[in-house]
Amino acid sequence: MPRIRKNPEDNWMPPRVRRGKSAYEFRTPDGRTVRLCNPELTKSQVWSAYENYINDIKVGTNFLALCEEFFSSGDFHELATETRKDYRKYSSKVNIVFGKMKPDNIKPEHIRQYMDKRGVKSRVQANREKAFISRVFRWAYERGKVKMNPCQGVKQFKEQARTRYVTDKEYEALFSLASIPVKIAMELAYLCCARQGDILDLKKSQLQDEGILIQQSKTSVSQIKAWTERLANAIALADSLPFNKGMVSLFVIHQQSGSRYTRDAFNAQWMKAKKMAAEKFPEIDFQFTFHDLKAKGISDLTGTLNEKQEISGHKNASQTARYNRKISIVPVVGGQ
């Protein structure tokens, strides 16, 4: 028997379907939201879209079904939380094009055509979505579900390495207006050369006598970031984060409920701080990303590239070099 809706006017909707902000959405059994159809469609058209979606899943021979299999696999659940979220997002894009195709009918030329069309709007996103398709096919090929990976041999777009260096003036101006969670995260990104995901995952149990134990999700390198007065002050800020009555948290940076900040919730506060800073300091350029703060930290370290690599936790010096963005000051003729 279907559940009774809170709004009786929605009782006509198919099971697990709800009206979202910009579309009718299907809520999967594992809690994901899938865009079903446009909000202006009639009731019969919404039911038709629902039936088509359910039938596509049941067919089990198209790329959409293959993606669903991958999402239910152990390989997928071993990925980092943010990577899983990104893959879900990429899936919704690529399945508009490939969802109803049989996997073995998807050829390299189809991937190239998709890349070229998607690349008109965003070459970076085209690369990410192609990487997702390749990951699904690689998983399926190893299990005998497909004959080949159509992404092999298809060139990605060349991505220009970021060169943005955040100056002390820019950092301090933004920091002065940021919320406490953003202030703590900024300091951890800069001082510890840490990624956003590792910062949001940081638990109080990782605070040790010698420093902060961080295992980088991307490289799996574990390090203890030794205490300094500035680092200790950043962690002390977390004591002022409010709780709802009776709540506690395992996380250093937490919401009032005690739960971990999601990437979207944190980014909303980050963008709010940038907007406020741009209004108060119109003469300063705040066009930089949170990830650029890690690059600032690596750039500001003293020592050789190999020494910076050891501190940053990268597996090789070439990775570190991409984050080393300070422009060298060199003598002119006669100034040596």
C-alpha atoms as a PDB file:
ATOM      1  CA  MET A   1       0.000   0.000   0.000  1.00  0.00           C
ATOM      2  CA  PRO A   2       1.555   3.366  -1.006  1.00  0.00           C
ATOM      3  CA  ARG A   3       2.436   5.850   1.698  1.00  0.00           C
ATOM      4  CA  ILE A   4       0.083   8.781   2.255  1.00  0.00           C
ATOM      5  CA  ARG A   5       1.725  12.044   1.229  1.00  0.00           C
ATOM      6  CA  LYS A   6       1.981  14.992   3.594  1.00  0.00           C
ATOM      7  CA  ASN A   7       0.384  17.108   0.874  1.00  0.00           C
ATOM      8  CA  PRO A   8      -2.798  15.323  -0.353  1.00  0.00           C
ATOM      9  CA  GLU A   9      -2.423  17.053  -3.732  1.00  0.00           C
ATOM     10  CA  ASP A  10       0.671  14.904  -4.355  1.00  0.00           C
ATOM     11  CA  ASN A  11      -1.084  11.546  -3.886  1.00  0.00           C
ATOM     12  CA  TRP A  12      -1.330  11.115  -7.665  1.00  0.00           C
ATOM     13  CA  MET A  13       2.461  10.870  -8.004  1.00  0.00           C
ATOM     14  CA  PRO A  14       4.187   7.536  -8.698  1.00  0.00           C
ATOM     15  CA  PRO A  15       5.973   5.764  -5.831  1.00  0.00           C
ATOM     16  CA  ARG A  16       9.194   7.459  -4.694  1.00  0.00           C
ATOM     17  CA  VAL A  17       8.524  10.477  -6.924  1.00  0.00           C
ATOM     18  CA  ARG A  18       8.395  14.003  -5.546  1.00  0.00           C
ATOM     19  CA  ARG A  19       8.276  17.524  -6.906  1.00  0.00           C
ATOM     20  CA  GLY A  20      11.716  19.160  -6.617  1.00  0.00           C
ATOM     21  CA  LYS A  21      12.717  22.778  -7.181  1.00  0.00           C
ATOM     22  CA  SER A  22      13.270  22.387 -10.917  1.00  0.00           C
ATOM     23  CA  ALA A  23      12.067  18.880 -11.796  1.00  0.00           C
ATOM     24  CA  TYR A  24      10.136  15.812 -10.726  1.00  0.00           C
ATOM     25  CA  GLU A  25      12.594  13.581  -8.902  1.00  0.00           C
ATOM     26  CA  PHE A  26      12.786   9.853  -8.159  1.00  0.00           C
ATOM     27  CA  ARG A  27      14.151   8.824  -4.778  1.00  0.00           C
ATOM     28  CA  THR A  28      16.097   5.552  -5.078  1.00  0.00           C
ATOM     29  CA  PRO A  29      15.978   2.903  -2.314  1.00  0.00           C
ATOM     30  CA  ASP A  30      19.539   3.826  -1.282  1.00  0.00           C
ATOM     31  CA  GLY A  31      18.584   7.477  -0.786  1.00  0.00           C
ATOM     32  CA  ARG A  32      19.804   9.045  -4.030  1.00  0.00           C
ATOM     33  CA  THR A  33      17.814  11.575  -6.034  1.00  0.00           C
ATOM     34  CA  VAL A  34      17.434  11.061  -9.800  1.00  0.00           C
ATOM     35  CA  ARG A  35      16.008  13.743 -12.073  1.00  0.00           C
ATOM     36  CA  LEU A  36      12.928  12.244 -13.726  1.00  0.00           C
ATOM     37  CA  CYS A  37      11.361  14.936 -15.931  1.00  0.00           C
ATOM     38  CA  ASN A  38      10.548  18.631 -16.295  1.00  0.00           C
ATOM     39  CA  PRO A  39       8.144  20.181 -13.757  1.00  0.00           C
ATOM     40  CA  GLU A  40       5.684  21.469 -16.364  1.00  0.00           C
ATOM     41  CA  LEU A  41       4.701  18.010 -17.646  1.00  0.00           C
ATOM     42  CA  THR A  42       1.187  16.653 -17.116  1.00  0.00           C
ATOM     43  CA  LYS A  43       0.382  13.927 -14.596  1.00  0.00           C
ATOM     44  CA  SER A  44       0.185  11.295 -17.328  1.00  0.00           C
ATOM     45  CA  GLN A  45       3.558  12.404 -18.724  1.00  0.00           C
ATOM     46  CA  VAL A  46       5.130  12.179 -15.272  1.00  0.00           C
ATOM     47  CA  TRP A  47       3.806   8.625 -14.922  1.00  0.00           C
ATOM     48  CA  SER A  48       5.157   7.815 -18.374  1.00  0.00           C
ATOM     49  CA  ALA A  49       8.604   9.144 -17.428  1.00  0.00           C
ATOM     50  CA  TYR A  50       8.486   7.084 -14.232  1.00  0.00           C
ATOM     51  CA  GLU A  51       7.556   3.891 -16.094  1.00  0.00           C
ATOM     52  CA  ASN A  52      10.289   4.475 -18.673  1.00  0.00           C
ATOM     53  CA  TYR A  53      12.864   4.933 -15.917  1.00  0.00           C
ATOM     54  CA  ILE A  54      11.769   1.788 -14.062  1.00  0.00           C
ATOM     55  CA  ASN A  55      11.772  -0.215 -17.298  1.00  0.00           C
ATOM     56  CA  ASP A  56      15.253   1.031 -18.163  1.00  0.00           C
ATOM     57  CA  ILE A  57      16.544  -0.149 -14.794  1.00  0.00           C
ATOM     58  CA  LYS A  58      14.851  -3.533 -15.183  1.00  0.00           C
ATOM     59  CA  VAL A  59      16.238  -4.083 -18.666  1.00  0.00           C
ATOM     60  CA  GLY A  60      19.684  -4.582 -17.169  1.00  0.00           C
ATOM     61  CA  THR A  61      21.416  -4.415 -20.550  1.00  0.00           C
ATOM     62  CA  ASN A  62      21.893  -0.673 -21.009  1.00  0.00           C
ATOM     63  CA  PHE A  63      24.562   1.688 -19.720  1.00  0.00           C
ATOM     64  CA  LEU A  64      22.250   3.164 -17.086  1.00  0.00           C
ATOM     65  CA  ALA A  65      21.779  -0.299 -15.568  1.00  0.00           C
ATOM     66  CA  LEU A  66      25.538  -0.892 -15.737  1.00  0.00           C
ATOM     67  CA  CYS A  67      26.103   2.326 -13.787  1.00  0.00           C
ATOM     68  CA  GLU A  68      23.596   1.181 -11.159  1.00  0.00           C
ATOM     69  CA  GLU A  69      25.462  -2.120 -10.842  1.00  0.00           C
ATOM     70  CA  PHE A  70      28.725  -0.237 -10.387  1.00  0.00           C
ATOM     71  CA  PHE A  71      27.146   1.989  -7.724  1.00  0.00           C
ATOM     72  CA  SER A  72      26.134  -1.146  -5.806  1.00  0.00           C
ATOM     73  CA  SER A  73      29.610  -2.686  -6.015  1.00  0.00           C
ATOM     74  CA  GLY A  74      32.276  -2.970  -3.352  1.00  0.00           C
ATOM     75  CA  ASP A  75      34.700  -1.070  -5.588  1.00  0.00           C
ATOM     76  CA  PHE A  76      32.417   1.954  -5.604  1.00  0.00           C
ATOM     77  CA  HIS A  77      31.904   1.938  -1.844  1.00  0.00           C
ATOM     78  CA  GLU A  78      35.669   1.852  -1.267  1.00  0.00           C
ATOM     79  CA  LEU A  79      36.012   5.232  -3.000  1.00  0.00           C
ATOM     80  CA  ALA A  80      36.247   8.456  -1.011  1.00  0.00           C
ATOM     81  CA  THR A  81      32.897  10.014  -0.076  1.00  0.00           C
ATOM     82  CA  GLU A  82      33.358  13.061  -2.299  1.00  0.00           C
ATOM     83  CA  THR A  83      34.458  10.890  -5.234  1.00  0.00           C
ATOM     84  CA  ARG A  84      31.258   8.856  -4.906  1.00  0.00           C
ATOM     85  CA  LYS A  85      29.198  12.051  -4.886  1.00  0.00           C
ATOM     86  CA  ASP A  86      31.019  13.300  -7.976  1.00  0.00           C
ATOM     87  CA  TYR A  87      30.450  10.008  -9.806  1.00  0.00           C
ATOM     88  CA  ARG A  88      26.716  10.198  -9.075  1.00  0.00           C
ATOM     89  CA  LYS A  89      26.697  13.720 -10.490  1.00  0.00           C
ATOM     90  CA  TYR A  90      28.611  12.690 -13.624  1.00  0.00           C
ATOM     91  CA  SER A  91      26.267   9.728 -14.099  1.00  0.00           C
ATOM     92  CA  SER A  92      23.229  12.001 -14.360  1.00  0.00           C
ATOM     93  CA  LYS A  93      24.952  13.905 -17.174  1.00  0.00           C
ATOM     94  CA  VAL A  94      26.329  11.041 -19.263  1.00  0.00           C
ATOM     95  CA  ASN A  95      23.202   8.899 -18.993  1.00  0.00           C
ATOM     96  CA  ILE A  96      21.166  11.543 -20.784  1.00  0.00           C
ATOM     97  CA  VAL A  97      23.223  10.522 -23.821  1.00  0.00           C
ATOM     98  CA  PHE A  98      24.349   6.938 -23.159  1.00  0.00           C
ATOM     99  CA  GLY A  99      21.816   5.655 -20.618  1.00  0.00           C
ATOM    100  CA  LYS A 100      19.624   3.670 -23.025  1.00  0.00           C
ATOM    101  CA  MET A 101      22.485   2.344 -25.171  1.00  0.00           C
ATOM    102  CA  LYS A 102      23.799  -1.188 -24.808  1.00  0.00           C
ATOM    103  CA  PRO A 103      27.312  -0.889 -23.351  1.00  0.00           C
ATOM    104  CA  ASP A 104      28.900  -2.895 -26.171  1.00  0.00           C
ATOM    105  CA  ASN A 105      27.326  -0.532 -28.709  1.00  0.00           C
ATOM    106  CA  ILE A 106      29.169   2.452 -27.226  1.00  0.00           C
ATOM    107  CA  LYS A 107      32.257   2.990 -29.384  1.00  0.00           C
ATOM    108  CA  PRO A 108      35.303   5.289 -29.101  1.00  0.00           C
ATOM    109  CA  GLU A 109      33.828   7.600 -31.738  1.00  0.00           C
ATOM    110  CA  HIS A 110      30.744   8.088 -29.551  1.00  0.00           C
ATOM    111  CA  ILE A 111      32.941   9.061 -26.599  1.00  0.00           C
ATOM    112  CA  ARG A 112      34.841  11.491 -28.847  1.00  0.00           C
ATOM    113  CA  GLN A 113      31.604  13.059 -30.084  1.00  0.00           C
ATOM    114  CA  TYR A 114      30.375  13.434 -26.509  1.00  0.00           C
ATOM    115  CA  MET A 115      33.680  15.000 -25.464  1.00  0.00           C
ATOM    116  CA  ASP A 116      33.623  17.485 -28.329  1.00  0.00           C
ATOM    117  CA  LYS A 117      30.058  18.621 -27.644  1.00  0.00           C
ATOM    118  CA  ARG A 118      30.490  18.719 -23.861  1.00  0.00           C
ATOM    119  CA  GLY A 119      33.822  20.469 -24.236  1.00  0.00           C
ATOM    120  CA  VAL A 120      32.203  23.479 -25.881  1.00  0.00           C
ATOM    121  CA  LYS A 121      30.781  24.406 -22.477  1.00  0.00           C
ATOM    122  CA  SER A 122      33.403  22.911 -20.157  1.00  0.00           C
ATOM    123  CA  ARG A 123      36.487  20.940 -21.144  1.00  0.00           C
ATOM    124  CA  VAL A 124      37.276  20.147 -17.526  1.00  0.00           C
ATOM    125  CA  GLN A 125      33.835  18.610 -16.953  1.00  0.00           C
ATOM    126  CA  ALA A 126      34.109  16.708 -20.233  1.00  0.00           C
ATOM    127  CA  ASN A 127      37.349  15.164 -18.959  1.00  0.00           C
ATOM    128  CA  ARG A 128      35.811  14.270 -15.596  1.00  0.00           C
ATOM    129  CA  GLU A 129      32.736  12.672 -17.168  1.00  0.00           C
ATOM    130  CA  LYS A 130      34.863  10.686 -19.603  1.00  0.00           C
ATOM    131  CA  ALA A 131      36.954   9.455 -16.653  1.00  0.00           C
ATOM    132  CA  PHE A 132      33.753   8.296 -14.945  1.00  0.00           C
ATOM    133  CA  ILE A 133      32.592   6.409 -18.052  1.00  0.00           C
ATOM    134  CA  SER A 134      36.022   4.791 -18.296  1.00  0.00           C
ATOM    135  CA  ARG A 135      35.909   3.787 -14.628  1.00  0.00           C
ATOM    136  CA  VAL A 136      32.535   2.053 -15.096  1.00  0.00           C
ATOM    137  CA  PHE A 137      33.721   0.221 -18.212  1.00  0.00           C
ATOM    138  CA  ARG A 138      36.982  -0.835 -16.559  1.00  0.00           C
ATOM    139  CA  TRP A 139      35.036  -2.279 -13.628  1.00  0.00           C
ATOM    140  CA  ALA A 140      32.635  -4.053 -16.017  1.00  0.00           C
ATOM    141  CA  TYR A 141      35.418  -5.378 -18.299  1.00  0.00           C
ATOM    142  CA  GLU A 142      37.204  -7.039 -15.368  1.00  0.00           C
ATOM    143  CA  ARG A 143      33.976  -8.913 -14.608  1.00  0.00           C
ATOM    144  CA  GLY A 144      33.201 -10.012 -18.151  1.00  0.00           C
ATOM    145  CA  LYS A 145      30.214  -7.698 -18.518  1.00  0.00           C
ATOM    146  CA  VAL A 146      31.555  -5.805 -21.569  1.00  0.00           C
ATOM    147  CA  LYS A 147      33.927  -6.608 -24.421  1.00  0.00           C
ATOM    148  CA  MET A 148      35.972  -3.402 -24.357  1.00  0.00           C
ATOM    149  CA  ASN A 149      36.444   0.007 -22.786  1.00  0.00           C
ATOM    150  CA  PRO A 150      35.462   2.558 -25.464  1.00  0.00           C
ATOM    151  CA  CYS A 151      37.325   5.326 -23.630  1.00  0.00           C
ATOM    152  CA  GLN A 152      40.706   3.753 -24.342  1.00  0.00           C
ATOM    153  CA  GLY A 153      42.557   5.722 -26.984  1.00  0.00           C
ATOM    154  CA  VAL A 154      40.244   8.736 -26.730  1.00  0.00           C
ATOM    155  CA  LYS A 155      42.332  11.775 -25.824  1.00  0.00           C
ATOM    156  CA  GLN A 156      41.265  14.049 -23.028  1.00  0.00           C
ATOM    157  CA  PHE A 157      41.353  17.799 -23.384  1.00  0.00           C
ATOM    158  CA  LYS A 158      44.550  19.401 -22.189  1.00  0.00           C
ATOM    159  CA  GLU A 159      43.939  21.175 -18.902  1.00  0.00           C
ATOM    160  CA  GLN A 160      45.914  24.277 -18.089  1.00  0.00           C
ATOM    161  CA  ALA A 161      47.628  24.000 -14.722  1.00  0.00           C
ATOM    162  CA  ARG A 162      46.481  26.539 -12.154  1.00  0.00           C
ATOM    163  CA  THR A 163      49.008  29.240 -11.362  1.00  0.00           C
ATOM    164  CA  ARG A 164      46.938  31.322  -8.914  1.00  0.00           C
ATOM    165  CA  TYR A 165      48.918  32.275  -5.824  1.00  0.00           C
ATOM    166  CA  VAL A 166      46.876  33.670  -2.926  1.00  0.00           C
ATOM    167  CA  THR A 167      48.724  36.604  -1.366  1.00  0.00           C
ATOM    168  CA  ASP A 168      48.868  37.253   2.372  1.00  0.00           C
ATOM    169  CA  LYS A 169      46.730  40.373   1.878  1.00  0.00           C
ATOM    170  CA  GLU A 170      44.018  38.382   0.066  1.00  0.00           C
ATOM    171  CA  TYR A 171      44.111  35.598   2.643  1.00  0.00           C
ATOM    172  CA  GLU A 172      43.897  37.939   5.628  1.00  0.00           C
ATOM    173  CA  ALA A 173      41.063  40.001   4.128  1.00  0.00           C
ATOM    174  CA  LEU A 174      38.931  36.912   3.490  1.00  0.00           C
ATOM    175  CA  PHE A 175      39.835  35.366   6.846  1.00  0.00           C
ATOM    176  CA  SER A 176      38.693  38.503   8.685  1.00  0.00           C
ATOM    177  CA  LEU A 177      35.100  38.063   7.437  1.00  0.00           C
ATOM    178  CA  ALA A 178      34.806  34.271   7.333  1.00  0.00           C
ATOM    179  CA  SER A 179      32.634  32.226   9.690  1.00  0.00           C
ATOM    180  CA  ILE A 180      34.396  30.168  12.358  1.00  0.00           C
ATOM    181  CA  PRO A 181      34.147  26.855  10.414  1.00  0.00           C
ATOM    182  CA  VAL A 182      35.663  28.544   7.356  1.00  0.00           C
ATOM    183  CA  LYS A 183      38.410  30.181   9.432  1.00  0.00           C
ATOM    184  CA  ILE A 184      39.429  26.833  10.927  1.00  0.00           C
ATOM    185  CA  ALA A 185      39.363  25.141   7.529  1.00  0.00           C
ATOM    186  CA  MET A 186      41.394  27.937   5.902  1.00  0.00           C
ATOM    187  CA  GLU A 187      44.121  27.619   8.520  1.00  0.00           C
ATOM    188  CA  LEU A 188      44.236  23.822   8.233  1.00  0.00           C
ATOM    189  CA  ALA A 189      44.393  23.983   4.431  1.00  0.00           C
ATOM    190  CA  TYR A 190      47.216  26.527   4.557  1.00  0.00           C
ATOM    191  CA  LEU A 191      49.263  25.355   7.538  1.00  0.00           C
ATOM    192  CA  CYS A 192      48.865  21.598   6.966  1.00  0.00           C
ATOM    193  CA  CYS A 193      48.712  21.724   3.139  1.00  0.00           C
ATOM    194  CA  ALA A 194      45.526  19.679   3.455  1.00  0.00           C
ATOM    195  CA  ARG A 195      42.673  18.983   1.061  1.00  0.00           C
ATOM    196  CA  GLN A 196      39.123  20.103   1.809  1.00  0.00           C
ATOM    197  CA  GLY A 197      37.784  16.551   2.163  1.00  0.00           C
ATOM    198  CA  ASP A 198      40.483  15.601   4.685  1.00  0.00           C
ATOM    199  CA  ILE A 199      39.749  18.760   6.682  1.00  0.00           C
ATOM    200  CA  LEU A 200      36.003  18.135   6.834  1.00  0.00           C
ATOM    201  CA  ASP A 201      36.692  14.492   7.810  1.00  0.00           C
ATOM    202  CA  LEU A 202      39.050  15.526  10.628  1.00  0.00           C
ATOM    203  CA  LYS A 203      38.040  13.921  13.935  1.00  0.00           C
ATOM    204  CA  LYS A 204      38.973  14.989  17.443  1.00  0.00           C
ATOM    205  CA  SER A 205      40.661  11.606  17.927  1.00  0.00           C
ATOM    206  CA  GLN A 206      43.255  12.695  15.340  1.00  0.00           C
ATOM    207  CA  LEU A 207      44.493  15.475  17.646  1.00  0.00           C
ATOM    208  CA  GLN A 208      47.566  13.970  19.294  1.00  0.00           C
ATOM    209  CA  ASP A 209      50.291  15.198  21.642  1.00  0.00           C
ATOM    210  CA  GLU A 210      52.772  15.610  18.788  1.00  0.00           C
ATOM    211  CA  GLY A 211      50.353  17.196  16.322  1.00  0.00           C
ATOM    212  CA  ILE A 212      47.436  16.380  14.028  1.00  0.00           C
ATOM    213  CA  LEU A 213      47.356  12.941  12.409  1.00  0.00           C
ATOM    214  CA  ILE A 214      46.165  13.266   8.819  1.00  0.00           C
ATOM    215  CA  GLN A 215      45.952  10.456   6.278  1.00  0.00           C
ATOM    216  CA  GLN A 216      45.521  12.007   2.862  1.00  0.00           C
ATOM    217  CA  SER A 217      42.560  10.464   1.083  1.00  0.00           C
ATOM    218  CA  LYS A 218      44.157  10.935  -2.330  1.00  0.00           C
ATOM    219  CA  THR A 219      47.655   9.549  -1.682  1.00  0.00           C
ATOM    220  CA  SER A 220      46.929   7.469   1.474  1.00  0.00           C
ATOM    221  CA  VAL A 221      50.059   9.014   3.032  1.00  0.00           C
ATOM    222  CA  SER A 222      49.791   9.398   6.823  1.00  0.00           C
ATOM    223  CA  GLN A 223      51.554  12.278   8.554  1.00  0.00           C
ATOM    224  CA  ILE A 224      51.502  14.008  11.916  1.00  0.00           C
ATOM    225  CA  LYS A 225      51.428  17.759  11.350  1.00  0.00           C
ATOM    226  CA  ALA A 226      53.485  19.096  14.259  1.00  0.00           C
ATOM    227  CA  TRP A 227      51.909  21.681  16.528  1.00  0.00           C
ATOM    228  CA  THR A 228      52.738  25.359  16.204  1.00  0.00           C
ATOM    229  CA  GLU A 229      51.111  28.171  18.140  1.00  0.00           C
ATOM    230  CA  ARG A 230      49.137  29.219  15.065  1.00  0.00           C
ATOM    231  CA  LEU A 231      47.921  25.661  14.393  1.00  0.00           C
ATOM    232  CA  ALA A 232      46.897  25.209  18.031  1.00  0.00           C
ATOM    233  CA  ASN A 233      44.978  28.501  17.907  1.00  0.00           C
ATOM    234  CA  ALA A 234      43.101  27.321  14.816  1.00  0.00           C
ATOM    235  CA  ILE A 235      42.028  24.106  16.551  1.00  0.00           C
ATOM    236  CA  ALA A 236      41.082  26.064  19.683  1.00  0.00           C
ATOM    237  CA  LEU A 237      38.597  28.024  17.567  1.00  0.00           C
ATOM    238  CA  ALA A 238      36.595  24.816  17.189  1.00  0.00           C
ATOM    239  CA  ASP A 239      35.719  24.954  20.896  1.00  0.00           C
ATOM    240  CA  SER A 240      33.501  27.953  20.153  1.00  0.00           C
ATOM    241  CA  LEU A 241      31.386  26.129  17.555  1.00  0.00           C
ATOM    242  CA  PRO A 242      27.813  25.916  18.918  1.00  0.00           C
ATOM    243  CA  PHE A 243      25.844  22.723  19.552  1.00  0.00           C
ATOM    244  CA  ASN A 244      22.152  22.043  19.724  1.00  0.00           C
ATOM    245  CA  LYS A 245      21.129  21.079  23.251  1.00  0.00           C
ATOM    246  CA  GLY A 246      22.444  17.653  24.212  1.00  0.00           C
ATOM    247  CA  MET A 247      24.549  17.238  21.055  1.00  0.00           C
ATOM    248  CA  VAL A 248      28.220  16.258  20.823  1.00  0.00           C
ATOM    249  CA  SER A 249      30.470  15.607  17.843  1.00  0.00           C
ATOM    250  CA  LEU A 250      33.350  13.414  16.744  1.00  0.00           C
ATOM    251  CA  PHE A 251      34.433  16.063  14.245  1.00  0.00           C
ATOM    252  CA  VAL A 252      36.670  19.085  14.755  1.00  0.00           C
ATOM    253  CA  ILE A 253      34.576  21.178  12.348  1.00  0.00           C
ATOM    254  CA  HIS A 254      30.938  20.325  12.918  1.00  0.00           C
ATOM    255  CA  GLN A 255      27.419  21.621  12.471  1.00  0.00           C
ATOM    256  CA  GLN A 256      25.140  22.455  15.404  1.00  0.00           C
ATOM    257  CA  SER A 257      23.683  18.954  15.186  1.00  0.00           C
ATOM    258  CA  GLY A 258      27.199  17.568  15.702  1.00  0.00           C
ATOM    259  CA  SER A 259      27.308  16.121  12.201  1.00  0.00           C
ATOM    260  CA  ARG A 260      30.120  16.564   9.715  1.00  0.00           C
ATOM    261  CA  TYR A 261      29.923  19.437   7.267  1.00  0.00           C
ATOM    262  CA  THR A 262      29.085  18.225   3.781  1.00  0.00           C
ATOM    263  CA  ARG A 263      31.051  19.690   0.897  1.00  0.00           C
ATOM    264  CA  ASP A 264      27.998  21.635  -0.300  1.00  0.00           C
ATOM    265  CA  ALA A 265      27.199  23.060   3.142  1.00  0.00           C
ATOM    266  CA  PHE A 266      30.792  24.137   3.682  1.00  0.00           C
ATOM    267  CA  ASN A 267      31.136  25.592   0.191  1.00  0.00           C
ATOM    268  CA  ALA A 268      28.022  27.697   0.795  1.00  0.00           C
ATOM    269  CA  GLN A 269      29.779  29.326   3.767  1.00  0.00           C
ATOM    270  CA  TRP A 270      33.001  29.685   1.780  1.00  0.00           C
ATOM    271  CA  MET A 271      31.194  31.460  -1.061  1.00  0.00           C
ATOM    272  CA  LYS A 272      29.343  33.675   1.420  1.00  0.00           C
ATOM    273  CA  ALA A 273      32.665  34.766   2.935  1.00  0.00           C
ATOM    274  CA  LYS A 274      34.088  35.520  -0.520  1.00  0.00           C
ATOM    275  CA  LYS A 275      31.038  37.588  -1.429  1.00  0.00           C
ATOM    276  CA  MET A 276      31.271  39.603   1.787  1.00  0.00           C
ATOM    277  CA  ALA A 277      34.995  40.143   1.280  1.00  0.00           C
ATOM    278  CA  ALA A 278      34.513  41.310  -2.314  1.00  0.00           C
ATOM    279  CA  GLU A 279      31.954  43.876  -1.137  1.00  0.00           C
ATOM    280  CA  LYS A 280      34.104  45.181   1.722  1.00  0.00           C
ATOM    281  CA  PHE A 281      37.414  45.090  -0.153  1.00  0.00           C
ATOM    282  CA  PRO A 282      36.540  45.864  -3.810  1.00  0.00           C
ATOM    283  CA  GLU A 283      40.187  46.609  -4.581  1.00  0.00           C
ATOM    284  CA  ILE A 284      41.215  42.993  -3.784  1.00  0.00           C
ATOM    285  CA  ASP A 285      40.817  40.048  -6.159  1.00  0.00           C
ATOM    286  CA  PHE A 286      39.097  37.102  -4.464  1.00  0.00           C
ATOM    287  CA  GLN A 287      38.916  34.934  -7.576  1.00  0.00           C
ATOM    288  CA  PHE A 288      40.594  31.908  -6.050  1.00  0.00           C
ATOM    289  CA  THR A 289      39.399  28.503  -4.877  1.00  0.00           C
ATOM    290  CA  PHE A 290      39.609  26.851  -1.475  1.00  0.00           C
ATOM    291  CA  HIS A 291      42.057  24.346  -2.964  1.00  0.00           C
ATOM    292  CA  ASP A 292      44.358  27.258  -3.851  1.00  0.00           C
ATOM    293  CA  LEU A 293      45.003  27.651  -0.108  1.00  0.00           C
ATOM    294  CA  LYS A 294      46.822  24.314  -0.084  1.00  0.00           C
ATOM    295  CA  ALA A 295      48.944  25.599  -2.957  1.00  0.00           C
ATOM    296  CA  LYS A 296      49.676  28.756  -0.968  1.00  0.00           C
ATOM    297  CA  GLY A 297      50.863  26.620   1.942  1.00  0.00           C
ATOM    298  CA  ILE A 298      53.215  24.590  -0.246  1.00  0.00           C
ATOM    299  CA  SER A 299      54.440  27.730  -2.015  1.00  0.00           C
ATOM    300  CA  ASP A 300      55.209  29.446   1.307  1.00  0.00           C
ATOM    301  CA  LEU A 301      57.213  26.512   2.680  1.00  0.00           C
ATOM    302  CA  THR A 302      60.952  27.045   2.770  1.00  0.00           C
ATOM    303  CA  GLY A 303      63.318  24.450   1.371  1.00  0.00           C
ATOM    304  CA  THR A 304      63.895  22.500  -1.823  1.00  0.00           C
ATOM    305  CA  LEU A 305      61.172  20.913  -3.926  1.00  0.00           C
ATOM    306  CA  ASN A 306      62.009  17.507  -2.433  1.00  0.00           C
ATOM    307  CA  GLU A 307      61.728  18.906   1.085  1.00  0.00           C
ATOM    308  CA  LYS A 308      58.361  20.437   0.206  1.00  0.00           C
ATOM    309  CA  GLN A 309      57.265  17.082  -1.222  1.00  0.00           C
ATOM    310  CA  GLU A 310      58.028  15.331   2.064  1.00  0.00           C
ATOM    311  CA  ILE A 311      56.045  17.903   4.056  1.00  0.00           C
ATOM    312  CA  SER A 312      53.097  17.971   1.646  1.00  0.00           C
ATOM    313  CA  GLY A 313      52.734  14.188   1.515  1.00  0.00           C
ATOM    314  CA  HIS A 314      52.852  13.925  -2.264  1.00  0.00           C
ATOM    315  CA  LYS A 315      54.137  10.694  -3.775  1.00  0.00           C
ATOM    316  CA  ASN A 316      56.494  12.451  -6.178  1.00  0.00           C
ATOM    317  CA  ALA A 317      58.061  15.870  -6.704  1.00  0.00           C
ATOM    318  CA  SER A 318      56.122  16.526  -9.922  1.00  0.00           C
ATOM    319  CA  GLN A 319      52.884  16.582  -7.903  1.00  0.00           C
ATOM    320  CA  THR A 320      54.406  19.095  -5.508  1.00  0.00           C
ATOM    321  CA  ALA A 321      55.695  21.232  -8.367  1.00  0.00           C
ATOM    322  CA  ARG A 322      52.122  21.829  -9.562  1.00  0.00           C
ATOM    323  CA  TYR A 323      51.332  23.436  -6.206  1.00  0.00           C
ATOM    324  CA  ASN A 324      54.549  25.476  -5.982  1.00  0.00           C
ATOM    325  CA  ARG A 325      53.195  28.754  -7.372  1.00  0.00           C
ATOM    326  CA  LYS A 326      55.337  31.534  -5.948  1.00  0.00           C
ATOM    327  CA  ILE A 327      57.109  33.405  -8.716  1.00  0.00           C
ATOM    328  CA  SER A 328      60.865  33.379  -8.228  1.00  0.00           C
ATOM    329  CA  ILE A 329      62.678  36.666  -7.721  1.00  0.00           C
ATOM    330  CA  VAL A 330      65.846  36.643  -9.830  1.00  0.00           C
ATOM    331  CA  PRO A 331      68.608  39.213 -10.216  1.00  0.00           C
ATOM    332  CA  VAL A 332      68.928  41.407 -13.288  1.00  0.00           C
ATOM    333  CA  VAL A 333      72.140  41.967 -15.216  1.00  0.00           C
ATOM    334  CA  GLY A 334      74.575  43.699 -12.911  1.00  0.00           C
ATOM    335  CA  GLY A 335      72.591  42.823  -9.832  1.00  0.00           C
ATOM    336  CA  GLN A 336      74.188  39.471  -9.006  1.00  0.00           C
END
